[in-house]
Amino acid sequence: MNEPLHAVRALRLSGDGRASHDDRVIVEAPVALLYNGSPFAVMMATPDALEDFALGFAVSEGIVATPDEFRLVDVVRGDDGIALHAAIPQARFDALETRRRGLEGRSGCGLCGVESLQAAMRPVPPVTASTRVTMPQIHAALAALVGQQPLNALSGGVHAAAFASKHGLLVREDVGRHNALDKLIGAMARSEPALRADDGFAVVTSRASYEIVHKAATAGIGVLVAISAPTDLAIRTAQAAGLTLAAFARGDSLNVYSHPDRLESAA
């Protein structure tokens, strides 16, 4: 459970017959998030870049307003999973108690276990990033991302989220697409110097779901590019937040669904 990949034996069946071979699969483990000693959520995640994940989740879920309000106290690893213990200001903890949700997150669902419709549809914060992005910059980021997903290259079962800026491409991977974005948001805040939302744009290898857009907006990211399709709620959320959402980013084309003013076609 301490490693992101696990070695297994598999039987390969093909037209040439059958053969046993070694394989590596991505690890999916329960990761509990606790604030001031109180449990809040259990996510099924890959046990990699957990400090980034803990901070990014707190920021993207609005548990803290800024990374400075968050402190990871301890990481406890056991046979049943991993517990991330964090300290947050008492005012934030009190606010968290009012929106308490028993959440068991799964790799395919970021809202599993939410206790009410109101909790599921939290207000989306306005995005004020003045980011300007060109199509060549997006194409370069997509091309570079292919070679910067080591876990996916070895297992074939991992999502990635990346932030492209003048400093290069910052990438985080996870079995869950929401977790990958949380890890990225945490990594941006923990980098030296910290990457600001205005410094670049985000790319995700998954579809653009409501929660992907909501997390990006909460982190202040102005431009989000998805390789796969968007959902209708993701588009409406991006429009309401003032976030530029592009999807179907493959080859030399993409579709822009909201606030296209941040995108330029020229270099």
Protein backbone atom coordinates (compact mmCIF):
# COMPACT_ATOMS: atom_id res chain seq x y z
CA MET A 1 0.00 0.00 0.00
CA ASN A 2 3.05 2.25 0.21
CA GLU A 3 3.80 2.00 -3.50
CA PRO A 4 1.67 3.29 -6.42
CA LEU A 5 2.17 0.12 -8.49
CA HIS A 6 1.68 -3.55 -7.58
CA ALA A 7 3.24 -6.55 -9.35
CA VAL A 8 0.87 -9.35 -10.34
CA ARG A 9 0.87 -12.42 -12.55
CA ALA A 10 -1.54 -12.48 -15.49
CA LEU A 11 -2.53 -15.04 -18.08
CA ARG A 12 -2.50 -13.61 -21.58
CA LEU A 13 -4.83 -15.24 -24.09
CA SER A 14 -4.35 -14.53 -27.79
CA GLY A 15 -4.61 -16.12 -31.18
CA ASP A 16 -1.17 -17.61 -30.58
CA GLY A 17 -2.30 -19.39 -27.42
CA ARG A 18 -1.88 -18.60 -23.76
CA ALA A 19 1.10 -17.51 -21.69
CA SER A 20 1.69 -16.36 -18.13
CA HIS A 21 3.53 -13.08 -17.67
CA ASP A 22 4.38 -10.42 -15.08
CA ASP A 23 2.22 -7.32 -15.03
CA ARG A 24 2.00 -4.12 -12.99
CA VAL A 25 -1.28 -2.60 -11.95
CA ILE A 26 -2.07 0.73 -10.35
CA VAL A 27 -2.78 0.64 -6.61
CA GLU A 28 -6.19 1.82 -5.42
CA ALA A 29 -6.27 2.31 -1.65
CA PRO A 30 -8.57 3.96 0.92
CA VAL A 31 -7.16 7.35 1.93
CA ALA A 32 -8.88 9.02 4.88
CA LEU A 33 -8.76 12.79 5.33
CA LEU A 34 -9.06 14.09 8.87
CA TYR A 35 -9.13 17.70 10.07
CA ASN A 36 -8.30 18.64 13.64
CA GLY A 37 -8.68 14.97 14.54
CA SER A 38 -12.16 14.63 13.01
CA PRO A 39 -12.74 12.38 9.96
CA PHE A 40 -14.22 14.06 6.90
CA ALA A 41 -13.81 11.82 3.86
CA VAL A 42 -12.40 8.55 2.60
CA MET A 43 -11.23 8.61 -1.00
CA MET A 44 -10.06 5.69 -3.11
CA ALA A 45 -6.74 6.97 -4.39
CA THR A 46 -3.26 6.00 -5.51
CA PRO A 47 -0.79 6.25 -2.59
CA ASP A 48 1.53 8.67 -4.36
CA ALA A 49 2.15 12.41 -3.81
CA LEU A 50 -0.06 12.27 -0.73
CA GLU A 51 1.11 15.62 0.66
CA ASP A 52 0.02 17.24 -2.60
CA PHE A 53 -3.28 15.37 -2.44
CA ALA A 54 -4.03 16.40 1.13
CA LEU A 55 -3.42 20.09 0.45
CA GLY A 56 -5.08 20.12 -2.97
CA PHE A 57 -8.22 18.41 -1.67
CA ALA A 58 -8.53 20.95 1.14
CA VAL A 59 -8.19 23.84 -1.31
CA SER A 60 -10.40 22.46 -4.08
CA GLU A 61 -13.17 21.50 -1.64
CA GLY A 62 -13.13 24.93 -0.01
CA ILE A 63 -12.14 23.48 3.36
CA VAL A 64 -9.46 26.18 3.57
CA ALA A 65 -9.43 29.49 1.73
CA THR A 66 -5.67 29.53 1.13
CA PRO A 67 -2.86 26.97 1.37
CA ASP A 68 -1.45 28.90 4.34
CA GLU A 69 -4.43 27.76 6.41
CA PHE A 70 -3.49 24.10 5.97
CA ARG A 71 -0.87 22.03 7.78
CA LEU A 72 -0.36 18.31 7.28
CA VAL A 73 0.33 16.91 10.74
CA ASP A 74 0.79 13.19 10.13
CA VAL A 75 0.50 10.41 7.56
CA VAL A 76 -0.51 7.12 9.16
CA ARG A 77 -0.19 3.99 7.02
CA GLY A 78 -1.90 0.78 8.06
CA ASP A 79 -3.10 -2.51 6.64
CA ASP A 80 -6.56 -1.06 5.97
CA GLY A 81 -5.47 2.19 4.34
CA ILE A 82 -3.79 5.54 4.85
CA ALA A 83 -4.92 8.40 7.12
CA LEU A 84 -3.91 11.98 6.36
CA HIS A 85 -4.18 14.12 9.50
CA ALA A 86 -4.32 17.88 8.94
CA ALA A 87 -4.74 20.96 11.10
CA ILE A 88 -6.91 23.87 9.96
CA PRO A 89 -8.02 27.08 11.72
CA GLN A 90 -10.86 26.65 14.19
CA ALA A 91 -13.13 28.93 12.15
CA ARG A 92 -12.63 26.72 9.10
CA PHE A 93 -13.27 23.60 11.15
CA ASP A 94 -16.50 25.07 12.53
CA ALA A 95 -17.65 25.88 8.99
CA LEU A 96 -16.72 22.36 7.92
CA GLU A 97 -18.90 20.89 10.62
CA THR A 98 -21.94 22.68 9.21
CA ARG A 99 -21.48 21.01 5.82
CA ARG A 100 -20.37 17.67 7.19
CA ARG A 101 -20.82 14.90 4.69
CA GLY A 102 -20.19 11.20 5.05
CA LEU A 103 -18.24 10.78 1.85
CA GLU A 104 -16.82 7.56 0.49
CA GLY A 105 -15.23 8.67 -2.75
CA ARG A 106 -14.55 6.25 -5.55
CA SER A 107 -12.28 6.60 -8.56
CA GLY A 108 -15.24 7.11 -10.88
CA CYS A 109 -17.37 9.32 -8.64
CA GLY A 110 -16.38 12.44 -6.76
CA LEU A 111 -19.76 13.05 -5.12
CA CYS A 112 -20.64 9.59 -3.81
CA GLY A 113 -22.14 9.81 -0.35
CA VAL A 114 -23.08 13.49 -0.37
CA GLU A 115 -25.95 13.82 2.07
CA SER A 116 -28.13 16.36 0.24
CA LEU A 117 -28.72 18.01 -3.13
CA GLN A 118 -27.63 21.31 -1.59
CA ALA A 119 -24.30 19.77 -0.55
CA ALA A 120 -23.77 18.37 -4.05
CA MET A 121 -24.39 21.71 -5.76
CA ARG A 122 -22.15 24.05 -3.80
CA PRO A 123 -21.80 27.61 -5.16
CA VAL A 124 -18.92 27.99 -7.57
CA PRO A 125 -16.49 30.85 -6.87
CA PRO A 126 -15.81 33.42 -9.60
CA VAL A 127 -12.59 32.95 -11.56
CA THR A 128 -10.64 36.17 -12.05
CA ALA A 129 -7.45 34.78 -13.63
CA SER A 130 -6.23 36.93 -16.52
CA THR A 131 -4.54 33.99 -18.24
CA ARG A 132 -3.99 34.18 -22.00
CA VAL A 133 -3.23 30.91 -23.83
CA THR A 134 -2.37 30.21 -27.46
CA MET A 135 -3.20 27.11 -29.44
CA PRO A 136 0.50 26.26 -29.95
CA GLN A 137 0.96 26.34 -26.17
CA ILE A 138 -1.91 23.88 -25.73
CA HIS A 139 -0.57 21.60 -28.46
CA ALA A 140 2.90 21.66 -26.85
CA ALA A 141 1.48 20.80 -23.43
CA LEU A 142 -0.55 17.89 -24.82
CA ALA A 143 2.47 16.54 -26.68
CA ALA A 144 4.70 16.82 -23.60
CA LEU A 145 2.12 15.22 -21.33
CA VAL A 146 2.30 11.93 -23.22
CA GLY A 147 5.85 11.36 -22.02
CA GLN A 148 5.32 12.55 -18.44
CA GLN A 149 2.91 9.89 -17.17
CA PRO A 150 5.21 7.16 -15.81
CA LEU A 151 2.52 5.38 -13.79
CA ASN A 152 0.17 5.23 -16.75
CA ALA A 153 2.97 4.04 -19.03
CA LEU A 154 3.57 1.07 -16.72
CA SER A 155 -0.03 0.21 -15.86
CA GLY A 156 -2.31 1.78 -18.49
CA GLY A 157 -4.92 2.66 -15.87
CA VAL A 158 -4.10 6.14 -14.58
CA HIS A 159 -5.46 9.65 -15.09
CA ALA A 160 -3.21 12.70 -15.18
CA ALA A 161 -3.65 16.40 -14.50
CA ALA A 162 -1.03 18.91 -15.59
CA PHE A 163 -0.34 22.63 -15.27
CA ALA A 164 1.53 24.23 -18.16
CA SER A 165 3.48 27.42 -17.52
CA LYS A 166 6.75 29.10 -18.44
CA HIS A 167 8.35 26.86 -15.82
CA GLY A 168 7.40 23.75 -17.80
CA LEU A 169 4.79 21.06 -17.24
CA LEU A 170 3.86 20.01 -13.70
CA VAL A 171 2.11 16.62 -13.73
CA ARG A 172 0.40 14.47 -11.13
CA GLU A 173 -1.21 11.04 -11.65
CA ASP A 174 -3.87 9.03 -9.85
CA VAL A 175 -6.34 6.22 -10.45
CA GLY A 176 -9.10 8.84 -9.95
CA ARG A 177 -9.38 11.86 -12.22
CA HIS A 178 -10.54 14.12 -9.36
CA ASN A 179 -7.64 12.94 -7.21
CA ALA A 180 -5.15 13.71 -9.97
CA LEU A 181 -6.43 17.28 -10.14
CA ASP A 182 -6.33 17.62 -6.35
CA LYS A 183 -2.73 16.42 -6.36
CA LEU A 184 -1.90 18.96 -9.06
CA ILE A 185 -3.52 21.82 -7.13
CA GLY A 186 -1.56 20.85 -4.04
CA ALA A 187 1.68 20.52 -6.01
CA MET A 188 1.18 24.00 -7.49
CA ALA A 189 0.87 25.49 -4.01
CA ARG A 190 3.84 23.53 -2.67
CA SER A 191 6.20 24.27 -5.56
CA GLU A 192 9.08 26.72 -5.11
CA PRO A 193 8.13 29.36 -5.97
CA ALA A 194 4.42 28.57 -5.73
CA LEU A 195 2.64 28.45 -9.09
CA ARG A 196 -0.21 30.94 -9.35
CA ALA A 197 -3.35 30.25 -11.37
CA ASP A 198 -2.39 33.14 -13.68
CA ASP A 199 0.91 31.46 -14.50
CA GLY A 200 -0.60 29.02 -17.01
CA PHE A 201 -3.41 26.57 -17.72
CA ALA A 202 -4.52 23.08 -16.67
CA VAL A 203 -4.89 19.94 -18.78
CA VAL A 204 -6.70 16.76 -17.72
CA THR A 205 -6.63 13.41 -19.50
CA SER A 206 -10.22 12.66 -18.52
CA ARG A 207 -13.60 14.03 -19.45
CA ALA A 208 -14.55 17.42 -18.02
CA SER A 209 -17.11 16.63 -15.33
CA TYR A 210 -18.88 19.04 -12.99
CA GLU A 211 -16.50 18.33 -10.15
CA ILE A 212 -13.38 18.72 -12.28
CA VAL A 213 -14.58 22.17 -13.32
CA HIS A 214 -15.67 23.07 -9.78
CA LYS A 215 -12.30 22.09 -8.32
CA ALA A 216 -10.41 24.04 -11.00
CA ALA A 217 -12.56 27.11 -10.42
CA THR A 218 -12.15 26.90 -6.65
CA ALA A 219 -8.37 26.82 -7.16
CA GLY A 220 -8.63 29.92 -9.37
CA ILE A 221 -7.53 28.21 -12.60
CA GLY A 222 -8.67 30.28 -15.58
CA VAL A 223 -8.25 27.81 -18.44
CA LEU A 224 -9.05 24.09 -18.25
CA VAL A 225 -8.40 21.81 -21.22
CA ALA A 226 -9.80 18.27 -21.26
CA ILE A 227 -8.78 15.55 -23.68
CA SER A 228 -12.21 13.94 -23.56
CA ALA A 229 -15.80 15.23 -23.55
CA PRO A 230 -17.47 17.75 -21.21
CA THR A 231 -20.79 17.27 -19.46
CA ASP A 232 -23.62 19.77 -19.69
CA LEU A 233 -23.31 20.64 -15.99
CA ALA A 234 -19.57 21.14 -16.37
CA ILE A 235 -20.22 23.62 -19.17
CA ARG A 236 -22.87 25.49 -17.19
CA THR A 237 -20.58 25.58 -14.15
CA ALA A 238 -17.68 26.93 -16.21
CA GLN A 239 -19.92 29.59 -17.72
CA ALA A 240 -21.16 30.66 -14.29
CA ALA A 241 -17.66 30.71 -12.79
CA GLY A 242 -16.02 32.62 -15.62
CA LEU A 243 -13.70 29.69 -16.40
CA THR A 244 -12.56 28.92 -19.94
CA LEU A 245 -13.42 25.30 -20.67
CA ALA A 246 -12.07 23.48 -23.72
CA ALA A 247 -12.54 19.79 -24.47
CA PHE A 248 -11.92 17.15 -27.15
CA ALA A 249 -8.36 18.47 -27.26
CA ARG A 250 -6.82 16.02 -29.67
CA GLY A 251 -4.43 16.56 -32.53
CA ASP A 252 -4.53 20.17 -33.68
CA SER A 253 -8.11 20.99 -32.67
CA LEU A 254 -10.38 21.43 -29.66
CA ASN A 255 -13.84 22.70 -28.79
CA VAL A 256 -14.29 25.75 -26.55
CA TYR A 257 -17.49 25.79 -24.49
CA SER A 258 -17.17 28.86 -22.27
CA HIS A 259 -15.34 32.19 -22.09
CA PRO A 260 -13.20 31.80 -25.25
CA ASP A 261 -11.62 35.26 -24.78
CA ARG A 262 -8.64 33.72 -22.94
CA LEU A 263 -7.69 31.60 -25.98
CA GLU A 264 -5.77 32.89 -28.98
CA SER A 265 -5.17 31.01 -32.20
CA ALA A 266 -1.82 32.58 -32.96
CA ALA A 267 1.53 31.95 -31.28
